[in-house]
Full PDB file with SEQRES, HELIX, SHEET, SSBOND, CRYST1, ORIGX, SCALE, CONECT and MASTER records, all heavy atoms in Angstrom:
SEQRES   1 A   34  SER THR ARG LEU MET GLY TRP PHE ARG GLN ALA PRO GLY          
SEQRES   2 A   34  LYS ASP ARG GLU PHE VAL ALA SER ILE LYS TRP SER ILE          
SEQRES   3 A   34  ALA LYS THR TYR TYR ALA ASP SER                              
HELIX    1 AA1 TRP A   24  ILE A   26  5                                   3    
SHEET    1 AA1 3 LEU A   4  ARG A   9  0                                        
SHEET    2 AA1 3 GLU A  17  LYS A  23 -1                                        
SHEET    3 AA1 3 LYS A  28  TYR A  31 -1                                        
CRYST1    1.000    1.000    1.000  90.00  90.00  90.00 P 1           1          
ORIGX1      1.000000  0.000000  0.000000        0.00000                         
ORIGX2      0.000000  1.000000  0.000000        0.00000                         
ORIGX3      0.000000  0.000000  1.000000        0.00000                         
SCALE1      1.000000  0.000000  0.000000        0.00000                         
SCALE2      0.000000  1.000000  0.000000        0.00000                         
SCALE3      0.000000  0.000000  1.000000        0.00000                         
ATOM      1  N   SER A   1      29.909 -58.057  69.050  1.00  0.00           N  
ATOM      2  CA  SER A   1      28.696 -57.321  68.712  1.00  0.00           C  
ATOM      3  C   SER A   1      28.402 -57.310  67.218  1.00  0.00           C  
ATOM      4  O   SER A   1      27.363 -56.798  66.798  1.00  0.00           O  
ATOM      5  CB  SER A   1      28.803 -55.881  69.210  1.00  0.00           C  
ATOM      6  OG  SER A   1      29.825 -55.173  68.535  1.00  0.00           O  
ATOM      7  N   THR A   2      29.283 -57.870  66.423  1.00  0.00           N  
ATOM      8  CA  THR A   2      29.121 -57.860  64.974  1.00  0.00           C  
ATOM      9  C   THR A   2      28.142 -58.935  64.523  1.00  0.00           C  
ATOM     10  O   THR A   2      28.342 -60.112  64.798  1.00  0.00           O  
ATOM     11  CB  THR A   2      30.474 -58.054  64.279  1.00  0.00           C  
ATOM     12  OG1 THR A   2      31.370 -57.013  64.687  1.00  0.00           O  
ATOM     13  CG2 THR A   2      30.313 -57.998  62.769  1.00  0.00           C  
ATOM     14  N   ARG A   3      27.094 -58.535  63.820  1.00  0.00           N  
ATOM     15  CA  ARG A   3      26.074 -59.467  63.341  1.00  0.00           C  
ATOM     16  C   ARG A   3      26.190 -59.747  61.848  1.00  0.00           C  
ATOM     17  O   ARG A   3      25.727 -60.779  61.374  1.00  0.00           O  
ATOM     18  CB  ARG A   3      24.679 -58.917  63.632  1.00  0.00           C  
ATOM     19  CG  ARG A   3      24.381 -58.717  65.103  1.00  0.00           C  
ATOM     20  CD  ARG A   3      22.981 -58.174  65.294  1.00  0.00           C  
ATOM     21  NE  ARG A   3      22.674 -57.955  66.700  1.00  0.00           N  
ATOM     22  CZ  ARG A   3      21.528 -57.493  67.147  1.00  0.00           C  
ATOM     23  NH1 ARG A   3      20.560 -57.186  66.284  1.00  0.00           N  
ATOM     24  NH2 ARG A   3      21.339 -57.328  68.438  1.00  0.00           N  
ATOM     25  N   LEU A   4      26.796 -58.819  61.130  1.00  0.00           N  
ATOM     26  CA  LEU A   4      26.875 -58.922  59.687  1.00  0.00           C  
ATOM     27  C   LEU A   4      28.215 -58.384  59.210  1.00  0.00           C  
ATOM     28  O   LEU A   4      28.660 -57.335  59.672  1.00  0.00           O  
ATOM     29  CB  LEU A   4      25.723 -58.133  59.051  1.00  0.00           C  
ATOM     30  CG  LEU A   4      25.661 -58.023  57.535  1.00  0.00           C  
ATOM     31  CD1 LEU A   4      25.278 -59.380  56.941  1.00  0.00           C  
ATOM     32  CD2 LEU A   4      24.661 -56.955  57.131  1.00  0.00           C  
ATOM     33  N   MET A   5      28.847 -59.086  58.300  1.00  0.00           N  
ATOM     34  CA  MET A   5      30.083 -58.612  57.699  1.00  0.00           C  
ATOM     35  C   MET A   5      30.004 -58.805  56.197  1.00  0.00           C  
ATOM     36  O   MET A   5      29.356 -59.728  55.713  1.00  0.00           O  
ATOM     37  CB  MET A   5      31.301 -59.343  58.267  1.00  0.00           C  
ATOM     38  CG  MET A   5      31.544 -59.070  59.740  1.00  0.00           C  
ATOM     39  SD  MET A   5      33.062 -59.832  60.385  1.00  0.00           S  
ATOM     40  CE  MET A   5      34.313 -58.823  59.557  1.00  0.00           C  
ATOM     41  N   GLY A   6      30.669 -57.928  55.484  1.00  0.00           N  
ATOM     42  CA  GLY A   6      30.601 -58.019  54.044  1.00  0.00           C  
ATOM     43  C   GLY A   6      31.752 -57.340  53.343  1.00  0.00           C  
ATOM     44  O   GLY A   6      32.640 -56.750  53.965  1.00  0.00           O  
ATOM     45  N   TRP A   7      31.719 -57.461  52.029  1.00  0.00           N  
ATOM     46  CA  TRP A   7      32.715 -56.855  51.158  1.00  0.00           C  
ATOM     47  C   TRP A   7      32.034 -55.916  50.176  1.00  0.00           C  
ATOM     48  O   TRP A   7      30.977 -56.237  49.616  1.00  0.00           O  
ATOM     49  CB  TRP A   7      33.490 -57.915  50.374  1.00  0.00           C  
ATOM     50  CG  TRP A   7      34.419 -58.738  51.203  1.00  0.00           C  
ATOM     51  CD1 TRP A   7      34.162 -59.936  51.781  1.00  0.00           C  
ATOM     52  CD2 TRP A   7      35.777 -58.408  51.528  1.00  0.00           C  
ATOM     53  NE1 TRP A   7      35.269 -60.391  52.457  1.00  0.00           N  
ATOM     54  CE2 TRP A   7      36.278 -59.473  52.318  1.00  0.00           C  
ATOM     55  CE3 TRP A   7      36.614 -57.331  51.235  1.00  0.00           C  
ATOM     56  CZ2 TRP A   7      37.575 -59.481  52.813  1.00  0.00           C  
ATOM     57  CZ3 TRP A   7      37.906 -57.339  51.731  1.00  0.00           C  
ATOM     58  CH2 TRP A   7      38.370 -58.401  52.507  1.00  0.00           C  
ATOM     59  N   PHE A   8      32.649 -54.769  49.963  1.00  0.00           N  
ATOM     60  CA  PHE A   8      32.218 -53.793  48.980  1.00  0.00           C  
ATOM     61  C   PHE A   8      33.420 -53.425  48.126  1.00  0.00           C  
ATOM     62  O   PHE A   8      34.561 -53.693  48.502  1.00  0.00           O  
ATOM     63  CB  PHE A   8      31.654 -52.544  49.662  1.00  0.00           C  
ATOM     64  CG  PHE A   8      30.371 -52.771  50.397  1.00  0.00           C  
ATOM     65  CD1 PHE A   8      30.363 -53.407  51.637  1.00  0.00           C  
ATOM     66  CD2 PHE A   8      29.163 -52.340  49.871  1.00  0.00           C  
ATOM     67  CE1 PHE A   8      29.184 -53.616  52.328  1.00  0.00           C  
ATOM     68  CE2 PHE A   8      27.969 -52.538  50.549  1.00  0.00           C  
ATOM     69  CZ  PHE A   8      27.982 -53.176  51.778  1.00  0.00           C  
ATOM     70  N   ARG A   9      33.159 -52.808  46.991  1.00  0.00           N  
ATOM     71  CA  ARG A   9      34.259 -52.344  46.159  1.00  0.00           C  
ATOM     72  C   ARG A   9      33.893 -51.023  45.502  1.00  0.00           C  
ATOM     73  O   ARG A   9      32.723 -50.716  45.300  1.00  0.00           O  
ATOM     74  CB  ARG A   9      34.635 -53.380  45.099  1.00  0.00           C  
ATOM     75  CG  ARG A   9      33.589 -53.602  44.017  1.00  0.00           C  
ATOM     76  CD  ARG A   9      34.029 -54.703  43.071  1.00  0.00           C  
ATOM     77  NE  ARG A   9      33.117 -54.854  41.947  1.00  0.00           N  
ATOM     78  CZ  ARG A   9      33.235 -55.786  41.012  1.00  0.00           C  
ATOM     79  NH1 ARG A   9      34.246 -56.660  41.060  1.00  0.00           N  
ATOM     80  NH2 ARG A   9      32.353 -55.846  40.018  1.00  0.00           N  
ATOM     81  N   GLN A  10      34.917 -50.252  45.164  1.00  0.00           N  
ATOM     82  CA  GLN A  10      34.709 -48.975  44.512  1.00  0.00           C  
ATOM     83  C   GLN A  10      35.794 -48.740  43.478  1.00  0.00           C  
ATOM     84  O   GLN A  10      36.981 -48.710  43.800  1.00  0.00           O  
ATOM     85  CB  GLN A  10      34.702 -47.837  45.530  1.00  0.00           C  
ATOM     86  CG  GLN A  10      34.331 -46.488  44.939  1.00  0.00           C  
ATOM     87  CD  GLN A  10      34.061 -45.442  46.001  1.00  0.00           C  
ATOM     88  OE1 GLN A  10      34.586 -45.518  47.107  1.00  0.00           O  
ATOM     89  NE2 GLN A  10      33.226 -44.467  45.668  1.00  0.00           N  
ATOM     90  N   ALA A  11      35.375 -48.591  42.238  1.00  0.00           N  
ATOM     91  CA  ALA A  11      36.278 -48.280  41.148  1.00  0.00           C  
ATOM     92  C   ALA A  11      36.323 -46.771  40.956  1.00  0.00           C  
ATOM     93  O   ALA A  11      35.379 -46.061  41.328  1.00  0.00           O  
ATOM     94  CB  ALA A  11      35.817 -48.962  39.863  1.00  0.00           C  
ATOM     95  N   PRO A  12      37.400 -46.239  40.373  1.00  0.00           N  
ATOM     96  CA  PRO A  12      37.498 -44.794  40.152  1.00  0.00           C  
ATOM     97  C   PRO A  12      36.307 -44.252  39.371  1.00  0.00           C  
ATOM     98  O   PRO A  12      35.930 -44.800  38.334  1.00  0.00           O  
ATOM     99  CB  PRO A  12      38.792 -44.650  39.359  1.00  0.00           C  
ATOM    100  CG  PRO A  12      39.610 -45.829  39.773  1.00  0.00           C  
ATOM    101  CD  PRO A  12      38.611 -46.943  39.928  1.00  0.00           C  
ATOM    102  N   GLY A  13      35.706 -43.184  39.884  1.00  0.00           N  
ATOM    103  CA  GLY A  13      34.586 -42.559  39.214  1.00  0.00           C  
ATOM    104  C   GLY A  13      33.268 -43.271  39.364  1.00  0.00           C  
ATOM    105  O   GLY A  13      32.272 -42.859  38.757  1.00  0.00           O  
ATOM    106  N   LYS A  14      33.225 -44.327  40.147  1.00  0.00           N  
ATOM    107  CA  LYS A  14      31.997 -45.082  40.333  1.00  0.00           C  
ATOM    108  C   LYS A  14      31.599 -45.118  41.807  1.00  0.00           C  
ATOM    109  O   LYS A  14      32.408 -44.883  42.694  1.00  0.00           O  
ATOM    110  CB  LYS A  14      32.155 -46.513  39.811  1.00  0.00           C  
ATOM    111  CG  LYS A  14      32.403 -46.614  38.314  1.00  0.00           C  
ATOM    112  CD  LYS A  14      32.453 -48.064  37.863  1.00  0.00           C  
ATOM    113  CE  LYS A  14      32.656 -48.177  36.367  1.00  0.00           C  
ATOM    114  NZ  LYS A  14      32.694 -49.601  35.936  1.00  0.00           N  
ATOM    115  N   ASP A  15      30.327 -45.418  42.037  1.00  0.00           N  
ATOM    116  CA  ASP A  15      29.831 -45.559  43.401  1.00  0.00           C  
ATOM    117  C   ASP A  15      30.327 -46.856  44.023  1.00  0.00           C  
ATOM    118  O   ASP A  15      30.631 -47.824  43.323  1.00  0.00           O  
ATOM    119  CB  ASP A  15      28.301 -45.547  43.422  1.00  0.00           C  
ATOM    120  CG  ASP A  15      27.700 -44.230  43.012  1.00  0.00           C  
ATOM    121  OD1 ASP A  15      28.356 -43.188  43.208  1.00  0.00           O  
ATOM    122  OD2 ASP A  15      26.562 -44.234  42.503  1.00  0.00           O  
ATOM    123  N   ARG A  16      30.390 -46.855  45.331  1.00  0.00           N  
ATOM    124  CA  ARG A  16      30.736 -48.074  46.034  1.00  0.00           C  
ATOM    125  C   ARG A  16      29.605 -49.085  45.849  1.00  0.00           C  
ATOM    126  O   ARG A  16      28.423 -48.739  45.978  1.00  0.00           O  
ATOM    127  CB  ARG A  16      30.961 -47.788  47.516  1.00  0.00           C  
ATOM    128  CG  ARG A  16      31.431 -48.984  48.318  1.00  0.00           C  
ATOM    129  CD  ARG A  16      31.849 -48.568  49.725  1.00  0.00           C  
ATOM    130  NE  ARG A  16      32.986 -47.650  49.690  1.00  0.00           N  
ATOM    131  CZ  ARG A  16      33.586 -47.179  50.776  1.00  0.00           C  
ATOM    132  NH1 ARG A  16      33.160 -47.532  51.974  1.00  0.00           N  
ATOM    133  NH2 ARG A  16      34.604 -46.345  50.653  1.00  0.00           N  
ATOM    134  N   GLU A  17      29.953 -50.331  45.535  1.00  0.00           N  
ATOM    135  CA  GLU A  17      28.944 -51.342  45.286  1.00  0.00           C  
ATOM    136  C   GLU A  17      29.129 -52.566  46.178  1.00  0.00           C  
ATOM    137  O   GLU A  17      30.239 -52.900  46.590  1.00  0.00           O  
ATOM    138  CB  GLU A  17      28.955 -51.769  43.810  1.00  0.00           C  
ATOM    139  CG  GLU A  17      30.231 -52.453  43.364  1.00  0.00           C  
ATOM    140  CD  GLU A  17      30.166 -52.945  41.928  1.00  0.00           C  
ATOM    141  OE1 GLU A  17      29.054 -53.193  41.423  1.00  0.00           O  
ATOM    142  OE2 GLU A  17      31.246 -53.094  41.304  1.00  0.00           O  
ATOM    143  N   PHE A  18      28.024 -53.228  46.435  1.00  0.00           N  
ATOM    144  CA  PHE A  18      28.014 -54.430  47.251  1.00  0.00           C  
ATOM    145  C   PHE A  18      28.615 -55.599  46.495  1.00  0.00           C  
ATOM    146  O   PHE A  18      28.351 -55.795  45.312  1.00  0.00           O  
ATOM    147  CB  PHE A  18      26.579 -54.755  47.659  1.00  0.00           C  
ATOM    148  CG  PHE A  18      26.414 -56.092  48.319  1.00  0.00           C  
ATOM    149  CD1 PHE A  18      26.796 -56.288  49.635  1.00  0.00           C  
ATOM    150  CD2 PHE A  18      25.870 -57.153  47.620  1.00  0.00           C  
ATOM    151  CE1 PHE A  18      26.643 -57.516  50.255  1.00  0.00           C  
ATOM    152  CE2 PHE A  18      25.714 -58.382  48.223  1.00  0.00           C  
ATOM    153  CZ  PHE A  18      26.107 -58.564  49.540  1.00  0.00           C  
ATOM    154  N   VAL A  19      29.422 -56.395  47.190  1.00  0.00           N  
ATOM    155  CA  VAL A  19      30.033 -57.581  46.601  1.00  0.00           C  
ATOM    156  C   VAL A  19      29.457 -58.855  47.213  1.00  0.00           C  
ATOM    157  O   VAL A  19      28.897 -59.701  46.514  1.00  0.00           O  
ATOM    158  CB  VAL A  19      31.565 -57.567  46.773  1.00  0.00           C  
ATOM    159  CG1 VAL A  19      32.175 -58.884  46.293  1.00  0.00           C  
ATOM    160  CG2 VAL A  19      32.173 -56.394  46.017  1.00  0.00           C  
ATOM    161  N   ALA A  20      29.596 -59.002  48.523  1.00  0.00           N  
ATOM    162  CA  ALA A  20      29.119 -60.199  49.210  1.00  0.00           C  
ATOM    163  C   ALA A  20      29.045 -59.933  50.701  1.00  0.00           C  
ATOM    164  O   ALA A  20      29.690 -59.020  51.213  1.00  0.00           O  
ATOM    165  CB  ALA A  20      30.044 -61.393  48.937  1.00  0.00           C  
ATOM    166  N   SER A  21      28.268 -60.739  51.413  1.00  0.00           N  
ATOM    167  CA  SER A  21      28.146 -60.589  52.854  1.00  0.00           C  
ATOM    168  C   SER A  21      27.801 -61.919  53.498  1.00  0.00           C  
ATOM    169  O   SER A  21      27.388 -62.872  52.826  1.00  0.00           O  
ATOM    170  CB  SER A  21      27.098 -59.539  53.219  1.00  0.00           C  
ATOM    171  OG  SER A  21      25.800 -59.957  52.835  1.00  0.00           O  
ATOM    172  N   ILE A  22      27.964 -61.964  54.818  1.00  0.00           N  
ATOM    173  CA  ILE A  22      27.596 -63.150  55.579  1.00  0.00           C  
ATOM    174  C   ILE A  22      26.909 -62.709  56.859  1.00  0.00           C  
ATOM    175  O   ILE A  22      27.405 -61.845  57.579  1.00  0.00           O  
ATOM    176  CB  ILE A  22      28.825 -64.043  55.865  1.00  0.00           C  
ATOM    177  CG1 ILE A  22      28.415 -65.289  56.650  1.00  0.00           C  
ATOM    178  CG2 ILE A  22      29.918 -63.269  56.603  1.00  0.00           C  
ATOM    179  CD1 ILE A  22      29.505 -66.355  56.687  1.00  0.00           C  
ATOM    180  N   LYS A  23      25.747 -63.291  57.124  1.00  0.00           N  
ATOM    181  CA  LYS A  23      24.995 -63.020  58.345  1.00  0.00           C  
ATOM    182  C   LYS A  23      25.272 -64.147  59.319  1.00  0.00           C  
ATOM    183  O   LYS A  23      24.899 -65.296  59.078  1.00  0.00           O  
ATOM    184  CB  LYS A  23      23.500 -62.908  58.038  1.00  0.00           C  
ATOM    185  CG  LYS A  23      22.653 -62.487  59.232  1.00  0.00           C  
ATOM    186  CD  LYS A  23      21.219 -62.176  58.818  1.00  0.00           C  
ATOM    187  CE  LYS A  23      21.149 -60.895  58.005  1.00  0.00           C  
ATOM    188  NZ  LYS A  23      19.747 -60.508  57.715  1.00  0.00           N  
ATOM    189  N   TRP A  24      25.919 -63.811  60.414  1.00  0.00           N  
ATOM    190  CA  TRP A  24      26.431 -64.834  61.322  1.00  0.00           C  
ATOM    191  C   TRP A  24      25.347 -65.670  61.978  1.00  0.00           C  
ATOM    192  O   TRP A  24      25.489 -66.876  62.108  1.00  0.00           O  
ATOM    193  CB  TRP A  24      27.302 -64.189  62.402  1.00  0.00           C  
ATOM    194  CG  TRP A  24      28.502 -63.476  61.881  1.00  0.00           C  
ATOM    195  CD1 TRP A  24      28.766 -62.144  61.964  1.00  0.00           C  
ATOM    196  CD2 TRP A  24      29.606 -64.066  61.189  1.00  0.00           C  
ATOM    197  NE1 TRP A  24      29.967 -61.855  61.373  1.00  0.00           N  
ATOM    198  CE2 TRP A  24      30.510 -63.020  60.890  1.00  0.00           C  
ATOM    199  CE3 TRP A  24      29.939 -65.362  60.800  1.00  0.00           C  
ATOM    200  CZ2 TRP A  24      31.712 -63.235  60.211  1.00  0.00           C  
ATOM    201  CZ3 TRP A  24      31.124 -65.574  60.117  1.00  0.00           C  
ATOM    202  CH2 TRP A  24      31.995 -64.527  59.835  1.00  0.00           C  
ATOM    203  N   SER A  25      24.264 -65.052  62.396  1.00  0.00           N  
ATOM    204  CA  SER A  25      23.245 -65.755  63.174  1.00  0.00           C  
ATOM    205  C   SER A  25      22.606 -66.917  62.428  1.00  0.00           C  
ATOM    206  O   SER A  25      22.213 -67.912  63.043  1.00  0.00           O  
ATOM    207  CB  SER A  25      22.163 -64.777  63.634  1.00  0.00           C  
ATOM    208  OG  SER A  25      21.481 -64.211  62.529  1.00  0.00           O  
ATOM    209  N   ILE A  26      22.487 -66.806  61.130  1.00  0.00           N  
ATOM    210  CA  ILE A  26      21.873 -67.866  60.330  1.00  0.00           C  
ATOM    211  C   ILE A  26      22.852 -68.477  59.343  1.00  0.00           C  
ATOM    212  O   ILE A  26      22.466 -69.302  58.508  1.00  0.00           O  
ATOM    213  CB  ILE A  26      20.623 -67.357  59.583  1.00  0.00           C  
ATOM    214  CG1 ILE A  26      20.963 -66.168  58.685  1.00  0.00           C  
ATOM    215  CG2 ILE A  26      19.538 -66.988  60.572  1.00  0.00           C  
ATOM    216  CD1 ILE A  26      19.798 -65.696  57.843  1.00  0.00           C  
ATOM    217  N   ALA A  27      24.104 -68.068  59.420  1.00  0.00           N  
ATOM    218  CA  ALA A  27      25.162 -68.594  58.561  1.00  0.00           C  
ATOM    219  C   ALA A  27      24.783 -68.524  57.085  1.00  0.00           C  
ATOM    220  O   ALA A  27      25.012 -69.466  56.327  1.00  0.00           O  
ATOM    221  CB  ALA A  27      25.507 -70.021  58.962  1.00  0.00           C  
ATOM    222  N   LYS A  28      24.203 -67.419  56.695  1.00  0.00           N  
ATOM    223  CA  LYS A  28      23.764 -67.248  55.326  1.00  0.00           C  
ATOM    224  C   LYS A  28      24.644 -66.238  54.600  1.00  0.00           C  
ATOM    225  O   LYS A  28      25.021 -65.213  55.166  1.00  0.00           O  
ATOM    226  CB  LYS A  28      22.312 -66.788  55.285  1.00  0.00           C  
ATOM    227  CG  LYS A  28      21.732 -66.703  53.883  1.00  0.00           C  
ATOM    228  CD  LYS A  28      20.250 -66.402  53.915  1.00  0.00           C  
ATOM    229  CE  LYS A  28      19.688 -66.279  52.512  1.00  0.00           C  
ATOM    230  NZ  LYS A  28      19.831 -67.546  51.753  1.00  0.00           N  
ATOM    231  N   THR A  29      24.960 -66.546  53.358  1.00  0.00           N  
ATOM    232  CA  THR A  29      25.773 -65.657  52.539  1.00  0.00           C  
ATOM    233  C   THR A  29      24.938 -65.018  51.440  1.00  0.00           C  
ATOM    234  O   THR A  29      23.935 -65.570  50.983  1.00  0.00           O  
ATOM    235  CB  THR A  29      26.956 -66.404  51.916  1.00  0.00           C  
ATOM    236  OG1 THR A  29      26.476 -67.510  51.137  1.00  0.00           O  
ATOM    237  CG2 THR A  29      27.887 -66.942  52.999  1.00  0.00           C  
ATOM    238  N   TYR A  30      25.377 -63.846  51.005  1.00  0.00           N  
ATOM    239  CA  TYR A  30      24.688 -63.098  49.977  1.00  0.00           C  
ATOM    240  C   TYR A  30      25.719 -62.607  48.967  1.00  0.00           C  
ATOM    241  O   TYR A  30      26.848 -62.291  49.323  1.00  0.00           O  
ATOM    242  CB  TYR A  30      23.946 -61.897  50.569  1.00  0.00           C  
ATOM    243  CG  TYR A  30      22.994 -62.245  51.681  1.00  0.00           C  
ATOM    244  CD1 TYR A  30      23.441 -62.384  52.988  1.00  0.00           C  
ATOM    245  CD2 TYR A  30      21.633 -62.434  51.429  1.00  0.00           C  
ATOM    246  CE1 TYR A  30      22.574 -62.709  54.015  1.00  0.00           C  
ATOM    247  CE2 TYR A  30      20.758 -62.755  52.448  1.00  0.00           C  
ATOM    248  CZ  TYR A  30      21.224 -62.891  53.739  1.00  0.00           C  
ATOM    249  OH  TYR A  30      20.357 -63.213  54.752  1.00  0.00           O  
ATOM    250  N   TYR A  31      25.312 -62.526  47.704  1.00  0.00           N  
ATOM    251  CA  TYR A  31      26.211 -62.098  46.652  1.00  0.00           C  
ATOM    252  C   TYR A  31      25.524 -61.154  45.683  1.00  0.00           C  
ATOM    253  O   TYR A  31      24.323 -61.259  45.435  1.00  0.00           O  
ATOM    254  CB  TYR A  31      26.725 -63.284  45.845  1.00  0.00           C  
ATOM    255  CG  TYR A  31      27.563 -64.258  46.634  1.00  0.00           C  
ATOM    256  CD1 TYR A  31      26.987 -65.354  47.262  1.00  0.00           C  
ATOM    257  CD2 TYR A  31      28.939 -64.083  46.747  1.00  0.00           C  
ATOM    258  CE1 TYR A  31      27.751 -66.247  47.993  1.00  0.00           C  
ATOM    259  CE2 TYR A  31      29.712 -64.967  47.470  1.00  0.00           C  
ATOM    260  CZ  TYR A  31      29.108 -66.056  48.093  1.00  0.00           C  
ATOM    261  OH  TYR A  31      29.881 -66.936  48.808  1.00  0.00           O  
ATOM    262  N   ALA A  32      26.302 -60.247  45.127  1.00  0.00           N  
ATOM    263  CA  ALA A  32      25.812 -59.477  44.000  1.00  0.00           C  
ATOM    264  C   ALA A  32      25.579 -60.450  42.848  1.00  0.00           C  
ATOM    265  O   ALA A  32      26.399 -61.337  42.600  1.00  0.00           O  
ATOM    266  CB  ALA A  32      26.825 -58.410  43.599  1.00  0.00           C  
ATOM    267  N   ASP A  33      24.450 -60.296  42.152  1.00  0.00           N  
ATOM    268  CA  ASP A  33      24.091 -61.239  41.098  1.00  0.00           C  
ATOM    269  C   ASP A  33      25.181 -61.396  40.045  1.00  0.00           C  
ATOM    270  O   ASP A  33      25.440 -62.499  39.559  1.00  0.00           O  
ATOM    271  CB  ASP A  33      22.787 -60.803  40.421  1.00  0.00           C  
ATOM    272  CG  ASP A  33      21.575 -61.014  41.302  1.00  0.00           C  
ATOM    273  OD1 ASP A  33      21.656 -61.807  42.256  1.00  0.00           O  
ATOM    274  OD2 ASP A  33      20.533 -60.386  41.027  1.00  0.00           O  
ATOM    275  N   SER A  34      25.816 -60.310  39.701  1.00  0.00           N  
ATOM    276  CA  SER A  34      26.823 -60.341  38.653  1.00  0.00           C  
ATOM    277  C   SER A  34      28.095 -61.075  39.051  1.00  0.00           C  
ATOM    278  O   SER A  34      28.899 -61.428  38.188  1.00  0.00           O  
ATOM    279  CB  SER A  34      27.176 -58.913  38.217  1.00  0.00           C  
ATOM    280  OG  SER A  34      27.742 -58.183  39.284  1.00  0.00           O  
TER     281      SER A  34                                                      
MASTER        0    0    0    1    3    0    0    6  280    1    0    3          
END                                                                             
């Protein structure tokens, strides 16, 4: 049932931020610009 999977990270004192993801149906990857 999983359509999307990704990675996030959180440093002490900071908000959780997006790192990268992959959308299975179209085999497309996404990344944080930095």
